[in-house]
Amino acid sequence: MEAGVVVASGAPIFWHLPPGRSSGSLPDSRGLWDVLWEHRTNLDGFAHSHPGSGYPGPSGTDLTTFEAVEAGLGRRLKWWITSSDHMIVLTWNDSNPGYDLEFLTPEEEPGWILELRRVSALAAWGRNVTR
């Protein structure tokens, strides 16, 4: 089950666990946008989970969402995507317009990723997870 978290100043500040999310969808919400806007000056970015294991990749919807959020905020962010065992981060490259993808080693993964994986896995098992 997909789950997300807004990260600012290196720490999670908002867990995005909306009703209606699934193993292939993480709906946007006004509440999520309000948090992004309120913290726009100190945002690091947004992380979300993809189901399964192995290296995740961004979907077309992910990429258009990243672009729209950055356009709305007027700044670039980091976009982390995790599976149950691997993580990537995407950042905009001005010199070669598009998102660069970096594969993170377990040592490079931020500490909060374990909680994101946990809430994602619990939700996949049908547990009602809130933060």
C-alpha atoms as a PDB file:
ATOM      1  CA  MET A   1       0.000   0.000   0.000  1.00  0.00           C
ATOM      2  CA  GLU A   2       1.458   3.355  -0.951  1.00  0.00           C
ATOM      3  CA  ALA A   3       2.199   5.850   1.811  1.00  0.00           C
ATOM      4  CA  GLY A   4       4.035   9.159   1.831  1.00  0.00           C
ATOM      5  CA  VAL A   5       5.841  11.581   4.078  1.00  0.00           C
ATOM      6  CA  VAL A   6       6.811  15.245   3.775  1.00  0.00           C
ATOM      7  CA  VAL A   7      10.377  15.902   4.935  1.00  0.00           C
ATOM      8  CA  ALA A   8      11.647  19.294   6.124  1.00  0.00           C
ATOM      9  CA  SER A   9      14.964  20.112   7.747  1.00  0.00           C
ATOM     10  CA  GLY A  10      15.887  16.415   7.621  1.00  0.00           C
ATOM     11  CA  ALA A  11      12.865  15.129   9.534  1.00  0.00           C
ATOM     12  CA  PRO A  12       9.361  13.882   8.745  1.00  0.00           C
ATOM     13  CA  ILE A  13       6.748  16.573   9.378  1.00  0.00           C
ATOM     14  CA  PHE A  14       3.603  15.094   7.803  1.00  0.00           C
ATOM     15  CA  TRP A  15       2.595  11.496   7.075  1.00  0.00           C
ATOM     16  CA  HIS A  16       0.389  11.295   3.991  1.00  0.00           C
ATOM     17  CA  LEU A  17      -1.871   8.278   4.536  1.00  0.00           C
ATOM     18  CA  PRO A  18      -5.129   9.281   2.828  1.00  0.00           C
ATOM     19  CA  PRO A  19      -8.169   7.036   2.597  1.00  0.00           C
ATOM     20  CA  GLY A  20      -8.500   5.505  -0.843  1.00  0.00           C
ATOM     21  CA  ARG A  21      -4.809   4.847  -1.375  1.00  0.00           C
ATOM     22  CA  SER A  22      -3.872   1.506  -2.870  1.00  0.00           C
ATOM     23  CA  SER A  23      -0.898  -0.514  -4.018  1.00  0.00           C
ATOM     24  CA  GLY A  24      -0.820   1.609  -7.164  1.00  0.00           C
ATOM     25  CA  SER A  25      -2.103   4.978  -6.095  1.00  0.00           C
ATOM     26  CA  LEU A  26      -1.430   7.695  -3.547  1.00  0.00           C
ATOM     27  CA  PRO A  27      -4.082  10.387  -3.980  1.00  0.00           C
ATOM     28  CA  ASP A  28      -3.222  14.045  -3.549  1.00  0.00           C
ATOM     29  CA  SER A  29      -5.130  16.042  -0.969  1.00  0.00           C
ATOM     30  CA  ARG A  30      -5.675  19.622   0.056  1.00  0.00           C
ATOM     31  CA  GLY A  31      -4.130  18.797   3.446  1.00  0.00           C
ATOM     32  CA  LEU A  32      -0.923  17.619   1.779  1.00  0.00           C
ATOM     33  CA  TRP A  33      -0.707  20.761  -0.349  1.00  0.00           C
ATOM     34  CA  ASP A  34      -1.333  22.952   2.716  1.00  0.00           C
ATOM     35  CA  VAL A  35       1.617  21.333   4.518  1.00  0.00           C
ATOM     36  CA  LEU A  36       3.876  21.712   1.469  1.00  0.00           C
ATOM     37  CA  TRP A  37       2.919  25.367   1.109  1.00  0.00           C
ATOM     38  CA  GLU A  38       3.234  26.186   4.815  1.00  0.00           C
ATOM     39  CA  HIS A  39       6.727  24.655   5.002  1.00  0.00           C
ATOM     40  CA  ARG A  40       7.905  25.619   1.507  1.00  0.00           C
ATOM     41  CA  THR A  41      10.970  27.517   2.744  1.00  0.00           C
ATOM     42  CA  ASN A  42      12.468  24.584   4.667  1.00  0.00           C
ATOM     43  CA  LEU A  43      11.186  21.596   2.665  1.00  0.00           C
ATOM     44  CA  ASP A  44      13.656  18.902   1.687  1.00  0.00           C
ATOM     45  CA  GLY A  45      11.112  16.940  -0.304  1.00  0.00           C
ATOM     46  CA  PHE A  46       8.569  14.156  -0.319  1.00  0.00           C
ATOM     47  CA  ALA A  47       9.002  10.386  -0.064  1.00  0.00           C
ATOM     48  CA  HIS A  48       6.551   7.693  -1.010  1.00  0.00           C
ATOM     49  CA  SER A  49       6.483   3.933  -1.169  1.00  0.00           C
ATOM     50  CA  HIS A  50       5.891   1.598  -4.068  1.00  0.00           C
ATOM     51  CA  PRO A  51       4.731  -1.968  -3.426  1.00  0.00           C
ATOM     52  CA  GLY A  52       7.078  -4.932  -3.685  1.00  0.00           C
ATOM     53  CA  SER A  53      10.829  -5.201  -3.545  1.00  0.00           C
ATOM     54  CA  GLY A  54      13.731  -4.222  -5.769  1.00  0.00           C
ATOM     55  CA  TYR A  55      14.633  -0.808  -7.088  1.00  0.00           C
ATOM     56  CA  PRO A  56      11.497   1.286  -7.598  1.00  0.00           C
ATOM     57  CA  GLY A  57      11.126   3.672 -10.490  1.00  0.00           C
ATOM     58  CA  PRO A  58       8.991   6.766 -10.926  1.00  0.00           C
ATOM     59  CA  SER A  59       5.740   6.408 -12.818  1.00  0.00           C
ATOM     60  CA  GLY A  60       4.613   8.945 -15.381  1.00  0.00           C
ATOM     61  CA  THR A  61       2.126  10.219 -12.800  1.00  0.00           C
ATOM     62  CA  ASP A  62       4.962  10.592 -10.281  1.00  0.00           C
ATOM     63  CA  LEU A  63       6.996  12.722 -12.684  1.00  0.00           C
ATOM     64  CA  THR A  64       4.127  15.026 -13.646  1.00  0.00           C
ATOM     65  CA  THR A  65       3.214  15.410  -9.962  1.00  0.00           C
ATOM     66  CA  PHE A  66       6.811  16.310  -9.074  1.00  0.00           C
ATOM     67  CA  GLU A  67       6.873  18.957 -11.808  1.00  0.00           C
ATOM     68  CA  ALA A  68       3.493  20.411 -10.803  1.00  0.00           C
ATOM     69  CA  VAL A  69       4.366  20.626  -7.104  1.00  0.00           C
ATOM     70  CA  GLU A  70       7.710  22.275  -7.836  1.00  0.00           C
ATOM     71  CA  ALA A  71       6.049  24.757 -10.213  1.00  0.00           C
ATOM     72  CA  GLY A  72       3.458  25.601  -7.563  1.00  0.00           C
ATOM     73  CA  LEU A  73       6.082  26.057  -4.843  1.00  0.00           C
ATOM     74  CA  GLY A  74       8.558  27.849  -7.101  1.00  0.00           C
ATOM     75  CA  ARG A  75      11.440  25.625  -6.022  1.00  0.00           C
ATOM     76  CA  ARG A  76      12.992  22.215  -6.527  1.00  0.00           C
ATOM     77  CA  LEU A  77      12.690  19.324  -4.072  1.00  0.00           C
ATOM     78  CA  LYS A  78      14.050  15.845  -3.510  1.00  0.00           C
ATOM     79  CA  TRP A  79      11.680  13.008  -4.412  1.00  0.00           C
ATOM     80  CA  TRP A  80      12.417   9.725  -2.660  1.00  0.00           C
ATOM     81  CA  ILE A  81      10.739   6.482  -3.696  1.00  0.00           C
ATOM     82  CA  THR A  82      11.149   3.301  -1.682  1.00  0.00           C
ATOM     83  CA  SER A  83      10.220  -0.325  -2.076  1.00  0.00           C
ATOM     84  CA  SER A  84      10.394  -2.768   0.818  1.00  0.00           C
ATOM     85  CA  ASP A  85      14.166  -3.043   0.416  1.00  0.00           C
ATOM     86  CA  HIS A  86      15.573  -0.365  -1.909  1.00  0.00           C
ATOM     87  CA  MET A  87      15.395   3.393  -2.280  1.00  0.00           C
ATOM     88  CA  ILE A  88      16.007   5.976  -4.981  1.00  0.00           C
ATOM     89  CA  VAL A  89      15.958   9.768  -4.976  1.00  0.00           C
ATOM     90  CA  LEU A  90      15.154  12.020  -7.919  1.00  0.00           C
ATOM     91  CA  THR A  91      16.338  15.615  -8.224  1.00  0.00           C
ATOM     92  CA  TRP A  92      15.975  18.082 -11.068  1.00  0.00           C
ATOM     93  CA  ASN A  93      19.017  18.641 -13.286  1.00  0.00           C
ATOM     94  CA  ASP A  94      19.081  22.169 -14.753  1.00  0.00           C
ATOM     95  CA  SER A  95      22.021  21.427 -17.084  1.00  0.00           C
ATOM     96  CA  ASN A  96      20.242  18.513 -18.732  1.00  0.00           C
ATOM     97  CA  PRO A  97      16.571  19.286 -18.029  1.00  0.00           C
ATOM     98  CA  GLY A  98      14.932  16.320 -16.397  1.00  0.00           C
ATOM     99  CA  TYR A  99      15.130  14.346 -13.183  1.00  0.00           C
ATOM    100  CA  ASP A 100      18.356  12.618 -12.247  1.00  0.00           C
ATOM    101  CA  LEU A 101      17.858   9.289 -10.493  1.00  0.00           C
ATOM    102  CA  GLU A 102      20.244   8.167  -7.755  1.00  0.00           C
ATOM    103  CA  PHE A 103      20.228   4.666  -6.266  1.00  0.00           C
ATOM    104  CA  LEU A 104      20.790   4.862  -2.515  1.00  0.00           C
ATOM    105  CA  THR A 105      22.739   2.263  -0.563  1.00  0.00           C
ATOM    106  CA  PRO A 106      21.323   1.138   2.800  1.00  0.00           C
ATOM    107  CA  GLU A 107      23.943   3.340   4.496  1.00  0.00           C
ATOM    108  CA  GLU A 108      22.715   6.400   2.568  1.00  0.00           C
ATOM    109  CA  GLU A 109      19.039   5.887   3.374  1.00  0.00           C
ATOM    110  CA  PRO A 110      17.571   8.397   5.830  1.00  0.00           C
ATOM    111  CA  GLY A 111      16.504   6.967   9.189  1.00  0.00           C
ATOM    112  CA  TRP A 112      12.838   7.865   8.703  1.00  0.00           C
ATOM    113  CA  ILE A 113      12.559   5.500   5.730  1.00  0.00           C
ATOM    114  CA  LEU A 114      12.074   2.544   8.058  1.00  0.00           C
ATOM    115  CA  GLU A 115       8.876   4.109   9.414  1.00  0.00           C
ATOM    116  CA  LEU A 116       7.610   4.794   5.892  1.00  0.00           C
ATOM    117  CA  ARG A 117       8.200   1.162   4.967  1.00  0.00           C
ATOM    118  CA  ARG A 118       6.499   0.040   8.187  1.00  0.00           C
ATOM    119  CA  VAL A 119       3.293   2.052   7.636  1.00  0.00           C
ATOM    120  CA  SER A 120       3.229   0.992   3.996  1.00  0.00           C
ATOM    121  CA  ALA A 121       3.514  -2.702   4.931  1.00  0.00           C
ATOM    122  CA  LEU A 122       0.918  -2.465   7.721  1.00  0.00           C
ATOM    123  CA  ALA A 123      -1.569  -0.805   5.393  1.00  0.00           C
ATOM    124  CA  ALA A 124      -0.952  -3.521   2.802  1.00  0.00           C
ATOM    125  CA  TRP A 125      -2.000  -6.072   5.437  1.00  0.00           C
ATOM    126  CA  GLY A 126      -5.269  -4.209   5.939  1.00  0.00           C
ATOM    127  CA  ARG A 127      -4.303  -2.468   9.148  1.00  0.00           C
ATOM    128  CA  ASN A 128      -5.711   1.019   9.654  1.00  0.00           C
ATOM    129  CA  VAL A 129      -2.576   3.097  10.029  1.00  0.00           C
ATOM    130  CA  THR A 130      -2.523   6.688  11.188  1.00  0.00           C
ATOM    131  CA  ARG A 131       0.336   8.831  12.408  1.00  0.00           C
END
